[in-house]
Amino acid sequence: MKDAISPAELEELLGQDADVKVLDVRRREHRVDVEHPIPGAEWKDPERIDEWSKDLEAHGEVIVYCVHGHNVSQDARDFLRKQGLRARIVEGGIEAWQAFSRDPK
C-alpha cells in the first residue's frame, strides 16, 4: 500500500463508493472552514488519537489529512497502521485538495 494518495486519486476512490473513511486530523487551532471540503470527512482531534482510533473498523481504508500533509497526518497514519489499519495520507493535505478542487484538470 502506498503511503499517500493524491487528491485526484482520492476523488476517484470516493466516486467508487469504496469502503473508505476520511479523517481531518488538523490540529484544533488550524481548523478553519474551507471552500472545498473533502466529502464525508470527519474531524478527529490528533491529540486524542489513542482514544478515537479504537472505534475505527479494522476493515476498509482510512485516509487522513492535515493542512500540508506533513507531520500531523503522517504521525496519524503511522499510529493507525500500528493499530493494524490500512491508512494513507492525502498528498499535500487540505491545501492540495483545495487547489485540485478549484481546477481538477
PDB file of N, CA and C in Angstrom:
ATOM      1  N   MET A   1       0.835  -1.174   0.000  1.00  0.00           N
ATOM      2  CA  MET A   1       0.000   0.000   0.000  1.00  0.00           C
ATOM      3  C   MET A   1       0.883   1.242   0.000  1.00  0.00           C
ATOM      4  N   LYS A   2       0.531   2.168  -0.850  1.00  0.00           N
ATOM      5  CA  LYS A   2       1.254   3.433  -0.890  1.00  0.00           C
ATOM      6  C   LYS A   2       1.021   4.206   0.407  1.00  0.00           C
ATOM      7  N   ASP A   3       1.964   5.061   0.756  1.00  0.00           N
ATOM      8  CA  ASP A   3       1.851   5.873   1.964  1.00  0.00           C
ATOM      9  C   ASP A   3       0.881   7.033   1.796  1.00  0.00           C
ATOM     10  N   ALA A   4       0.647   7.450   0.544  1.00  0.00           N
ATOM     11  CA  ALA A   4      -0.158   8.641   0.288  1.00  0.00           C
ATOM     12  C   ALA A   4      -1.053   8.437  -0.923  1.00  0.00           C
ATOM     13  N   ILE A   5      -2.062   9.288  -1.003  1.00  0.00           N
ATOM     14  CA  ILE A   5      -2.985   9.280  -2.133  1.00  0.00           C
ATOM     15  C   ILE A   5      -3.097  10.716  -2.627  1.00  0.00           C
ATOM     16  N   SER A   6      -3.099  10.913  -3.929  1.00  0.00           N
ATOM     17  CA  SER A   6      -3.218  12.260  -4.483  1.00  0.00           C
ATOM     18  C   SER A   6      -4.684  12.705  -4.406  1.00  0.00           C
ATOM     19  N   PRO A   7      -4.926  14.008  -4.466  1.00  0.00           N
ATOM     20  CA  PRO A   7      -6.314  14.472  -4.482  1.00  0.00           C
ATOM     21  C   PRO A   7      -7.116  13.855  -5.634  1.00  0.00           C
ATOM     22  N   ALA A   8      -6.526  13.718  -6.811  1.00  0.00           N
ATOM     23  CA  ALA A   8      -7.242  13.121  -7.939  1.00  0.00           C
ATOM     24  C   ALA A   8      -7.592  11.659  -7.659  1.00  0.00           C
ATOM     25  N   GLU A   9      -6.652  10.917  -7.082  1.00  0.00           N
ATOM     26  CA  GLU A   9      -6.915   9.517  -6.742  1.00  0.00           C
ATOM     27  C   GLU A   9      -7.988   9.410  -5.660  1.00  0.00           C
ATOM     28  N   LEU A  10      -7.967  10.335  -4.706  1.00  0.00           N
ATOM     29  CA  LEU A  10      -8.970  10.326  -3.651  1.00  0.00           C
ATOM     30  C   LEU A  10     -10.349  10.611  -4.222  1.00  0.00           C
ATOM     31  N   GLU A  11     -10.436  11.592  -5.104  1.00  0.00           N
ATOM     32  CA  GLU A  11     -11.734  11.896  -5.733  1.00  0.00           C
ATOM     33  C   GLU A  11     -12.275  10.668  -6.452  1.00  0.00           C
ATOM     34  N   GLU A  12     -11.411   9.976  -7.183  1.00  0.00           N
ATOM     35  CA  GLU A  12     -11.821   8.764  -7.900  1.00  0.00           C
ATOM     36  C   GLU A  12     -12.279   7.685  -6.915  1.00  0.00           C
ATOM     37  N   LEU A  13     -11.515   7.501  -5.852  1.00  0.00           N
ATOM     38  CA  LEU A  13     -11.851   6.497  -4.843  1.00  0.00           C
ATOM     39  C   LEU A  13     -13.198   6.798  -4.194  1.00  0.00           C
ATOM     40  N   LEU A  14     -13.445   8.050  -3.863  1.00  0.00           N
ATOM     41  CA  LEU A  14     -14.720   8.433  -3.253  1.00  0.00           C
ATOM     42  C   LEU A  14     -15.878   8.233  -4.224  1.00  0.00           C
ATOM     43  N   GLY A  15     -15.617   8.436  -5.502  1.00  0.00           N
ATOM     44  CA  GLY A  15     -16.642   8.234  -6.525  1.00  0.00           C
ATOM     45  C   GLY A  15     -17.005   6.780  -6.734  1.00  0.00           C
ATOM     46  N   GLN A  16     -16.154   5.885  -6.290  1.00  0.00           N
ATOM     47  CA  GLN A  16     -16.408   4.446  -6.428  1.00  0.00           C
ATOM     48  C   GLN A  16     -17.201   3.901  -5.245  1.00  0.00           C
ATOM     49  N   ASP A  17     -17.576   4.768  -4.332  1.00  0.00           N
ATOM     50  CA  ASP A  17     -18.296   4.356  -3.125  1.00  0.00           C
ATOM     51  C   ASP A  17     -17.533   3.255  -2.401  1.00  0.00           C
ATOM     52  N   ALA A  18     -16.223   3.410  -2.336  1.00  0.00           N
ATOM     53  CA  ALA A  18     -15.346   2.428  -1.687  1.00  0.00           C
ATOM     54  C   ALA A  18     -15.518   2.474  -0.177  1.00  0.00           C
ATOM     55  N   ASP A  19     -15.096   1.420   0.478  1.00  0.00           N
ATOM     56  CA  ASP A  19     -15.137   1.336   1.937  1.00  0.00           C
ATOM     57  C   ASP A  19     -13.958   2.123   2.482  1.00  0.00           C
ATOM     58  N   VAL A  20     -14.150   3.435   2.581  1.00  0.00           N
ATOM     59  CA  VAL A  20     -13.068   4.326   2.993  1.00  0.00           C
ATOM     60  C   VAL A  20     -13.604   5.345   3.992  1.00  0.00           C
ATOM     61  N   LYS A  21     -12.809   5.671   4.965  1.00  0.00           N
ATOM     62  CA  LYS A  21     -13.153   6.695   5.960  1.00  0.00           C
ATOM     63  C   LYS A  21     -12.113   7.798   5.821  1.00  0.00           C
ATOM     64  N   VAL A  22     -12.589   9.029   5.654  1.00  0.00           N
ATOM     65  CA  VAL A  22     -11.689  10.175   5.511  1.00  0.00           C
ATOM     66  C   VAL A  22     -11.739  10.980   6.808  1.00  0.00           C
ATOM     67  N   LEU A  23     -10.564  11.201   7.370  1.00  0.00           N
ATOM     68  CA  LEU A  23     -10.470  11.908   8.641  1.00  0.00           C
ATOM     69  C   LEU A  23      -9.594  13.154   8.529  1.00  0.00           C
ATOM     70  N   ASP A  24     -10.149  14.264   8.984  1.00  0.00           N
ATOM     71  CA  ASP A  24      -9.448  15.535   9.079  1.00  0.00           C
ATOM     72  C   ASP A  24      -8.745  15.536  10.436  1.00  0.00           C
ATOM     73  N   VAL A  25      -7.435  15.469  10.421  1.00  0.00           N
ATOM     74  CA  VAL A  25      -6.680  15.447  11.675  1.00  0.00           C
ATOM     75  C   VAL A  25      -5.886  16.744  11.881  1.00  0.00           C
ATOM     76  N   ARG A  26      -6.399  17.829  11.314  1.00  0.00           N
ATOM     77  CA  ARG A  26      -5.749  19.116  11.561  1.00  0.00           C
ATOM     78  C   ARG A  26      -5.856  19.442  13.047  1.00  0.00           C
ATOM     79  N   ARG A  27      -4.830  20.065  13.573  1.00  0.00           N
ATOM     80  CA  ARG A  27      -4.886  20.496  14.967  1.00  0.00           C
ATOM     81  C   ARG A  27      -6.041  21.481  15.142  1.00  0.00           C
ATOM     82  N   ARG A  28      -6.609  21.472  16.314  1.00  0.00           N
ATOM     83  CA  ARG A  28      -7.782  22.311  16.605  1.00  0.00           C
ATOM     84  C   ARG A  28      -7.556  23.764  16.151  1.00  0.00           C
ATOM     85  N   GLU A  29      -6.387  24.312  16.432  1.00  0.00           N
ATOM     86  CA  GLU A  29      -6.130  25.716  16.089  1.00  0.00           C
ATOM     87  C   GLU A  29      -5.993  25.946  14.578  1.00  0.00           C
ATOM     88  N   HIS A  30      -5.831  24.889  13.802  1.00  0.00           N
ATOM     89  CA  HIS A  30      -5.723  25.023  12.348  1.00  0.00           C
ATOM     90  C   HIS A  30      -7.017  24.665  11.622  1.00  0.00           C
ATOM     91  N   ARG A  31      -8.031  24.333  12.406  1.00  0.00           N
ATOM     92  CA  ARG A  31      -9.320  24.006  11.803  1.00  0.00           C
ATOM     93  C   ARG A  31     -10.046  25.289  11.439  1.00  0.00           C
ATOM     94  N   VAL A  32     -10.136  25.542  10.186  1.00  0.00           N
ATOM     95  CA  VAL A  32     -10.918  26.660   9.663  1.00  0.00           C
ATOM     96  C   VAL A  32     -11.770  26.102   8.534  1.00  0.00           C
ATOM     97  N   ASP A  33     -12.887  26.758   8.271  1.00  0.00           N
ATOM     98  CA  ASP A  33     -13.728  26.312   7.166  1.00  0.00           C
ATOM     99  C   ASP A  33     -12.947  26.450   5.861  1.00  0.00           C
ATOM    100  N   VAL A  34     -13.169  25.484   4.993  1.00  0.00           N
ATOM    101  CA  VAL A  34     -12.514  25.511   3.692  1.00  0.00           C
ATOM    102  C   VAL A  34     -13.583  25.584   2.612  1.00  0.00           C
ATOM    103  N   GLU A  35     -13.223  26.190   1.506  1.00  0.00           N
ATOM    104  CA  GLU A  35     -14.166  26.396   0.410  1.00  0.00           C
ATOM    105  C   GLU A  35     -14.609  25.069  -0.207  1.00  0.00           C
ATOM    106  N   HIS A  36     -13.693  24.140  -0.346  1.00  0.00           N
ATOM    107  CA  HIS A  36     -13.989  22.849  -0.958  1.00  0.00           C
ATOM    108  C   HIS A  36     -13.577  21.730  -0.007  1.00  0.00           C
ATOM    109  N   PRO A  37     -14.439  21.395   0.954  1.00  0.00           N
ATOM    110  CA  PRO A  37     -14.071  20.322   1.887  1.00  0.00           C
ATOM    111  C   PRO A  37     -14.062  18.962   1.199  1.00  0.00           C
ATOM    112  N   ILE A  38     -13.391  18.020   1.795  1.00  0.00           N
ATOM    113  CA  ILE A  38     -13.391  16.656   1.269  1.00  0.00           C
ATOM    114  C   ILE A  38     -14.708  16.016   1.695  1.00  0.00           C
ATOM    115  N   PRO A  39     -15.486  15.530   0.740  1.00  0.00           N
ATOM    116  CA  PRO A  39     -16.803  14.980   1.052  1.00  0.00           C
ATOM    117  C   PRO A  39     -16.743  13.855   2.090  1.00  0.00           C
ATOM    118  N   GLY A  40     -17.594  13.970   3.095  1.00  0.00           N
ATOM    119  CA  GLY A  40     -17.704  12.932   4.105  1.00  0.00           C
ATOM    120  C   GLY A  40     -16.628  12.910   5.162  1.00  0.00           C
ATOM    121  N   ALA A  41     -15.691  13.852   5.111  1.00  0.00           N
ATOM    122  CA  ALA A  41     -14.597  13.855   6.088  1.00  0.00           C
ATOM    123  C   ALA A  41     -15.119  14.211   7.474  1.00  0.00           C
ATOM    124  N   GLU A  42     -14.540  13.569   8.480  1.00  0.00           N
ATOM    125  CA  GLU A  42     -14.865  13.848   9.876  1.00  0.00           C
ATOM    126  C   GLU A  42     -13.616  14.367  10.568  1.00  0.00           C
ATOM    127  N   TRP A  43     -13.788  15.387  11.430  1.00  0.00           N
ATOM    128  CA  TRP A  43     -12.650  15.886  12.179  1.00  0.00           C
ATOM    129  C   TRP A  43     -12.424  15.021  13.408  1.00  0.00           C
ATOM    130  N   LYS A  44     -11.167  14.681  13.628  1.00  0.00           N
ATOM    131  CA  LYS A  44     -10.751  13.954  14.825  1.00  0.00           C
ATOM    132  C   LYS A  44      -9.547  14.672  15.396  1.00  0.00           C
ATOM    133  N   ASP A  45      -9.592  14.912  16.686  1.00  0.00           N
ATOM    134  CA  ASP A  45      -8.506  15.615  17.368  1.00  0.00           C
ATOM    135  C   ASP A  45      -7.247  14.726  17.360  1.00  0.00           C
ATOM    136  N   PRO A  46      -6.192  15.164  16.690  1.00  0.00           N
ATOM    137  CA  PRO A  46      -4.988  14.321  16.634  1.00  0.00           C
ATOM    138  C   PRO A  46      -4.358  14.093  18.008  1.00  0.00           C
ATOM    139  N   GLU A  47      -4.643  14.980  18.954  1.00  0.00           N
ATOM    140  CA  GLU A  47      -4.106  14.830  20.303  1.00  0.00           C
ATOM    141  C   GLU A  47      -4.778  13.677  21.064  1.00  0.00           C
ATOM    142  N   ARG A  48      -5.912  13.197  20.539  1.00  0.00           N
ATOM    143  CA  ARG A  48      -6.667  12.143  21.225  1.00  0.00           C
ATOM    144  C   ARG A  48      -6.773  10.879  20.375  1.00  0.00           C
ATOM    145  N   ILE A  49      -5.830  10.691  19.471  1.00  0.00           N
ATOM    146  CA  ILE A  49      -5.876   9.565  18.546  1.00  0.00           C
ATOM    147  C   ILE A  49      -5.925   8.222  19.263  1.00  0.00           C
ATOM    148  N   ASP A  50      -5.282   8.128  20.405  1.00  0.00           N
ATOM    149  CA  ASP A  50      -5.290   6.866  21.135  1.00  0.00           C
ATOM    150  C   ASP A  50      -6.701   6.506  21.604  1.00  0.00           C
ATOM    151  N   GLU A  51      -7.570   7.503  21.756  1.00  0.00           N
ATOM    152  CA  GLU A  51      -8.955   7.256  22.164  1.00  0.00           C
ATOM    153  C   GLU A  51      -9.843   6.914  20.969  1.00  0.00           C
ATOM    154  N   TRP A  52      -9.894   7.802  19.970  1.00  0.00           N
ATOM    155  CA  TRP A  52     -10.837   7.591  18.877  1.00  0.00           C
ATOM    156  C   TRP A  52     -10.425   6.511  17.891  1.00  0.00           C
ATOM    157  N   SER A  53      -9.153   6.184  17.843  1.00  0.00           N
ATOM    158  CA  SER A  53      -8.721   5.142  16.897  1.00  0.00           C
ATOM    159  C   SER A  53      -9.289   3.777  17.269  1.00  0.00           C
ATOM    160  N   LYS A  54      -9.632   3.585  18.520  1.00  0.00           N
ATOM    161  CA  LYS A  54     -10.206   2.308  18.962  1.00  0.00           C
ATOM    162  C   LYS A  54     -11.569   2.050  18.341  1.00  0.00           C
ATOM    163  N   ASP A  55     -12.237   3.112  17.890  1.00  0.00           N
ATOM    164  CA  ASP A  55     -13.569   2.980  17.311  1.00  0.00           C
ATOM    165  C   ASP A  55     -13.552   2.743  15.799  1.00  0.00           C
ATOM    166  N   LEU A  56     -12.394   2.768  15.184  1.00  0.00           N
ATOM    167  CA  LEU A  56     -12.308   2.565  13.739  1.00  0.00           C
ATOM    168  C   LEU A  56     -12.390   1.076  13.412  1.00  0.00           C
ATOM    169  N   GLU A  57     -13.077   0.792  12.354  1.00  0.00           N
ATOM    170  CA  GLU A  57     -13.185  -0.595  11.892  1.00  0.00           C
ATOM    171  C   GLU A  57     -11.838  -1.078  11.378  1.00  0.00           C
ATOM    172  N   ALA A  58     -11.575  -2.341  11.545  1.00  0.00           N
ATOM    173  CA  ALA A  58     -10.311  -2.924  11.092  1.00  0.00           C
ATOM    174  C   ALA A  58     -10.336  -3.255   9.604  1.00  0.00           C
ATOM    175  N   HIS A  59     -11.466  -3.070   8.960  1.00  0.00           N
ATOM    176  CA  HIS A  59     -11.537  -3.333   7.519  1.00  0.00           C
ATOM    177  C   HIS A  59     -11.635  -2.006   6.771  1.00  0.00           C
ATOM    178  N   GLY A  60     -11.535  -2.036   5.482  1.00  0.00           N
ATOM    179  CA  GLY A  60     -11.584  -0.797   4.724  1.00  0.00           C
ATOM    180  C   GLY A  60     -10.286  -0.026   4.823  1.00  0.00           C
ATOM    181  N   GLU A  61     -10.369   1.232   4.475  1.00  0.00           N
ATOM    182  CA  GLU A  61      -9.178   2.076   4.456  1.00  0.00           C
ATOM    183  C   GLU A  61      -9.475   3.400   5.142  1.00  0.00           C
ATOM    184  N   VAL A  62      -8.469   3.943   5.781  1.00  0.00           N
ATOM    185  CA  VAL A  62      -8.587   5.241   6.441  1.00  0.00           C
ATOM    186  C   VAL A  62      -7.642   6.206   5.732  1.00  0.00           C
ATOM    187  N   ILE A  63      -8.199   7.342   5.301  1.00  0.00           N
ATOM    188  CA  ILE A  63      -7.407   8.391   4.669  1.00  0.00           C
ATOM    189  C   ILE A  63      -7.405   9.573   5.627  1.00  0.00           C
ATOM    190  N   VAL A  64      -6.226  10.052   6.004  1.00  0.00           N
ATOM    191  CA  VAL A  64      -6.122  11.180   6.925  1.00  0.00           C
ATOM    192  C   VAL A  64      -5.454  12.361   6.224  1.00  0.00           C
ATOM    193  N   TYR A  65      -5.834  13.557   6.663  1.00  0.00           N
ATOM    194  CA  TYR A  65      -5.180  14.753   6.121  1.00  0.00           C
ATOM    195  C   TYR A  65      -5.075  15.822   7.188  1.00  0.00           C
ATOM    196  N   CYS A  66      -4.067  16.651   7.008  1.00  0.00           N
ATOM    197  CA  CYS A  66      -3.885  17.828   7.852  1.00  0.00           C
ATOM    198  C   CYS A  66      -3.790  19.026   6.906  1.00  0.00           C
ATOM    199  N   VAL A  67      -3.117  20.061   7.313  1.00  0.00           N
ATOM    200  CA  VAL A  67      -3.039  21.255   6.472  1.00  0.00           C
ATOM    201  C   VAL A  67      -2.180  21.006   5.233  1.00  0.00           C
ATOM    202  N   HIS A  68      -0.949  20.515   5.441  1.00  0.00           N
ATOM    203  CA  HIS A  68       0.005  20.367   4.340  1.00  0.00           C
ATOM    204  C   HIS A  68       0.357  18.921   4.004  1.00  0.00           C
ATOM    205  N   GLY A  69      -0.108  17.969   4.783  1.00  0.00           N
ATOM    206  CA  GLY A  69       0.239  16.567   4.533  1.00  0.00           C
ATOM    207  C   GLY A  69       1.590  16.188   5.106  1.00  0.00           C
ATOM    208  N   HIS A  70       2.000  16.879   6.144  1.00  0.00           N
ATOM    209  CA  HIS A  70       3.300  16.584   6.750  1.00  0.00           C
ATOM    210  C   HIS A  70       3.132  15.884   8.093  1.00  0.00           C
ATOM    211  N   ASN A  71       3.741  16.423   9.111  1.00  0.00           N
ATOM    212  CA  ASN A  71       3.869  15.736  10.407  1.00  0.00           C
ATOM    213  C   ASN A  71       2.574  15.224  11.013  1.00  0.00           C
ATOM    214  N   VAL A  72       1.549  16.051  11.100  1.00  0.00           N
ATOM    215  CA  VAL A  72       0.336  15.650  11.809  1.00  0.00           C
ATOM    216  C   VAL A  72      -0.320  14.458  11.127  1.00  0.00           C
ATOM    217  N   SER A  73      -0.536  14.552   9.822  1.00  0.00           N
ATOM    218  CA  SER A  73      -1.196  13.429   9.131  1.00  0.00           C
ATOM    219  C   SER A  73      -0.271  12.220   9.027  1.00  0.00           C
ATOM    220  N   GLN A  74       1.017  12.443   8.846  1.00  0.00           N
ATOM    221  CA  GLN A  74       1.942  11.307   8.770  1.00  0.00           C
ATOM    222  C   GLN A  74       2.017  10.573  10.100  1.00  0.00           C
ATOM    223  N   ASP A  75       2.035  11.315  11.202  1.00  0.00           N
ATOM    224  CA  ASP A  75       2.037  10.675  12.518  1.00  0.00           C
ATOM    225  C   ASP A  75       0.748   9.892  12.745  1.00  0.00           C
ATOM    226  N   ALA A  76      -0.388  10.472  12.322  1.00  0.00           N
ATOM    227  CA  ALA A  76      -1.670   9.778  12.478  1.00  0.00           C
ATOM    228  C   ALA A  76      -1.684   8.505  11.642  1.00  0.00           C
ATOM    229  N   ARG A  77      -1.217   8.599  10.396  1.00  0.00           N
ATOM    230  CA  ARG A  77      -1.161   7.411   9.533  1.00  0.00           C
ATOM    231  C   ARG A  77      -0.316   6.322  10.168  1.00  0.00           C
ATOM    232  N   ASP A  78       0.846   6.685  10.649  1.00  0.00           N
ATOM    233  CA  ASP A  78       1.752   5.700  11.248  1.00  0.00           C
ATOM    234  C   ASP A  78       1.140   5.060  12.492  1.00  0.00           C
ATOM    235  N   PHE A  79       0.477   5.860  13.309  1.00  0.00           N
ATOM    236  CA  PHE A  79      -0.179   5.341  14.510  1.00  0.00           C
ATOM    237  C   PHE A  79      -1.274   4.348  14.115  1.00  0.00           C
ATOM    238  N   LEU A  80      -2.098   4.721  13.136  1.00  0.00           N
ATOM    239  CA  LEU A  80      -3.198   3.855  12.713  1.00  0.00           C
ATOM    240  C   LEU A  80      -2.688   2.546  12.103  1.00  0.00           C
ATOM    241  N   ARG A  81      -1.602   2.634  11.374  1.00  0.00           N
ATOM    242  CA  ARG A  81      -1.023   1.411  10.808  1.00  0.00           C
ATOM    243  C   ARG A  81      -0.528   0.475  11.909  1.00  0.00           C
ATOM    244  N   LYS A  82       0.030   1.053  12.954  1.00  0.00           N
ATOM    245  CA  LYS A  82       0.486   0.217  14.080  1.00  0.00           C
ATOM    246  C   LYS A  82      -0.693  -0.463  14.774  1.00  0.00           C
ATOM    247  N   GLN A  83      -1.888   0.118  14.599  1.00  0.00           N
ATOM    248  CA  GLN A  83      -3.095  -0.474  15.166  1.00  0.00           C
ATOM    249  C   GLN A  83      -3.706  -1.525  14.222  1.00  0.00           C
ATOM    250  N   GLY A  84      -3.024  -1.764  13.087  1.00  0.00           N
ATOM    251  CA  GLY A  84      -3.494  -2.767  12.136  1.00  0.00           C
ATOM    252  C   GLY A  84      -4.438  -2.248  11.075  1.00  0.00           C
ATOM    253  N   LEU A  85      -4.571  -0.927  10.973  1.00  0.00           N
ATOM    254  CA  LEU A  85      -5.463  -0.344   9.979  1.00  0.00           C
ATOM    255  C   LEU A  85      -4.722  -0.015   8.692  1.00  0.00           C
ATOM    256  N   ARG A  86      -5.439  -0.068   7.604  1.00  0.00           N
ATOM    257  CA  ARG A  86      -4.895   0.374   6.316  1.00  0.00           C
ATOM    258  C   ARG A  86      -5.085   1.879   6.262  1.00  0.00           C
ATOM    259  N   ALA A  87      -4.005   2.628   6.301  1.00  0.00           N
ATOM    260  CA  ALA A  87      -4.096   4.088   6.372  1.00  0.00           C
ATOM    261  C   ALA A  87      -3.121   4.748   5.411  1.00  0.00           C
ATOM    262  N   ARG A  88      -3.586   5.860   4.838  1.00  0.00           N
ATOM    263  CA  ARG A  88      -2.759   6.695   3.962  1.00  0.00           C
ATOM    264  C   ARG A  88      -3.052   8.155   4.267  1.00  0.00           C
ATOM    265  N   ILE A  89      -2.184   9.022   3.781  1.00  0.00           N
ATOM    266  CA  ILE A  89      -2.406  10.467   3.897  1.00  0.00           C
ATOM    267  C   ILE A  89      -2.782  11.028   2.533  1.00  0.00           C
ATOM    268  N   VAL A  90      -3.365  12.214   2.549  1.00  0.00           N
ATOM    269  CA  VAL A  90      -3.615  12.956   1.312  1.00  0.00           C
ATOM    270  C   VAL A  90      -2.351  13.753   1.016  1.00  0.00           C
ATOM    271  N   GLU A  91      -1.751  13.498  -0.145  1.00  0.00           N
ATOM    272  CA  GLU A  91      -0.545  14.233  -0.541  1.00  0.00           C
ATOM    273  C   GLU A  91      -0.849  15.728  -0.557  1.00  0.00           C
ATOM    274  N   GLY A  92      -0.076  16.500   0.196  1.00  0.00           N
ATOM    275  CA  GLY A  92      -0.248  17.949   0.202  1.00  0.00           C
ATOM    276  C   GLY A  92      -1.360  18.436   1.114  1.00  0.00           C
ATOM    277  N   GLY A  93      -2.038  17.539   1.802  1.00  0.00           N
ATOM    278  CA  GLY A  93      -3.072  17.906   2.761  1.00  0.00           C
ATOM    279  C   GLY A  93      -4.267  18.617   2.148  1.00  0.00           C
ATOM    280  N   ILE A  94      -4.994  19.319   3.007  1.00  0.00           N
ATOM    281  CA  ILE A  94      -6.198  20.013   2.558  1.00  0.00           C
ATOM    282  C   ILE A  94      -5.863  21.123   1.567  1.00  0.00           C
ATOM    283  N   GLU A  95      -4.668  21.681   1.660  1.00  0.00           N
ATOM    284  CA  GLU A  95      -4.279  22.716   0.697  1.00  0.00           C
ATOM    285  C   GLU A  95      -4.202  22.155  -0.719  1.00  0.00           C
ATOM    286  N   ALA A  96      -3.671  20.961  -0.875  1.00  0.00           N
ATOM    287  CA  ALA A  96      -3.608  20.339  -2.199  1.00  0.00           C
ATOM    288  C   ALA A  96      -5.005  19.982  -2.686  1.00  0.00           C
ATOM    289  N   TRP A  97      -5.852  19.499  -1.765  1.00  0.00           N
ATOM    290  CA  TRP A  97      -7.238  19.175  -2.147  1.00  0.00           C
ATOM    291  C   TRP A  97      -7.956  20.447  -2.631  1.00  0.00           C
ATOM    292  N   GLN A  98      -7.754  21.567  -1.930  1.00  0.00           N
ATOM    293  CA  GLN A  98      -8.371  22.837  -2.310  1.00  0.00           C
ATOM    294  C   GLN A  98      -7.936  23.253  -3.720  1.00  0.00           C
ATOM    295  N   ALA A  99      -6.646  23.188  -3.976  1.00  0.00           N
ATOM    296  CA  ALA A  99      -6.131  23.568  -5.295  1.00  0.00           C
ATOM    297  C   ALA A  99      -6.700  22.649  -6.376  1.00  0.00           C
ATOM    298  N   PHE A 100      -6.752  21.358  -6.100  1.00  0.00           N
ATOM    299  CA  PHE A 100      -7.300  20.397  -7.051  1.00  0.00           C
ATOM    300  C   PHE A 100      -8.784  20.664  -7.289  1.00  0.00           C
ATOM    301  N   SER A 101      -9.526  20.925  -6.233  1.00  0.00           N
ATOM    302  CA  SER A 101     -10.975  21.151  -6.350  1.00  0.00           C
ATOM    303  C   SER A 101     -11.308  22.392  -7.145  1.00  0.00           C
ATOM    304  N   ARG A 102     -10.441  23.394  -7.066  1.00  0.00           N
ATOM    305  CA  ARG A 102     -10.652  24.616  -7.840  1.00  0.00           C
ATOM    306  C   ARG A 102     -10.385  24.387  -9.315  1.00  0.00           C
ATOM    307  N   ASP A 103      -9.465  23.504  -9.629  1.00  0.00           N
ATOM    308  CA  ASP A 103      -9.078  23.258 -11.024  1.00  0.00           C
ATOM    309  C   ASP A 103      -8.658  21.798 -11.179  1.00  0.00           C
ATOM    310  N   PRO A 104      -9.619  20.845 -11.221  1.00  0.00           N
ATOM    311  CA  PRO A 104      -9.274  19.421 -11.221  1.00  0.00           C
ATOM    312  C   PRO A 104      -8.551  18.935 -12.472  1.00  0.00           C
ATOM    313  N   LYS A 105      -8.552  19.639 -13.509  1.00  0.00           N
ATOM    314  CA  LYS A 105      -7.912  19.160 -14.745  1.00  0.00           C
ATOM    315  C   LYS A 105      -6.606  19.849 -15.002  1.00  0.00           C
TER     316      LYS A 105
END
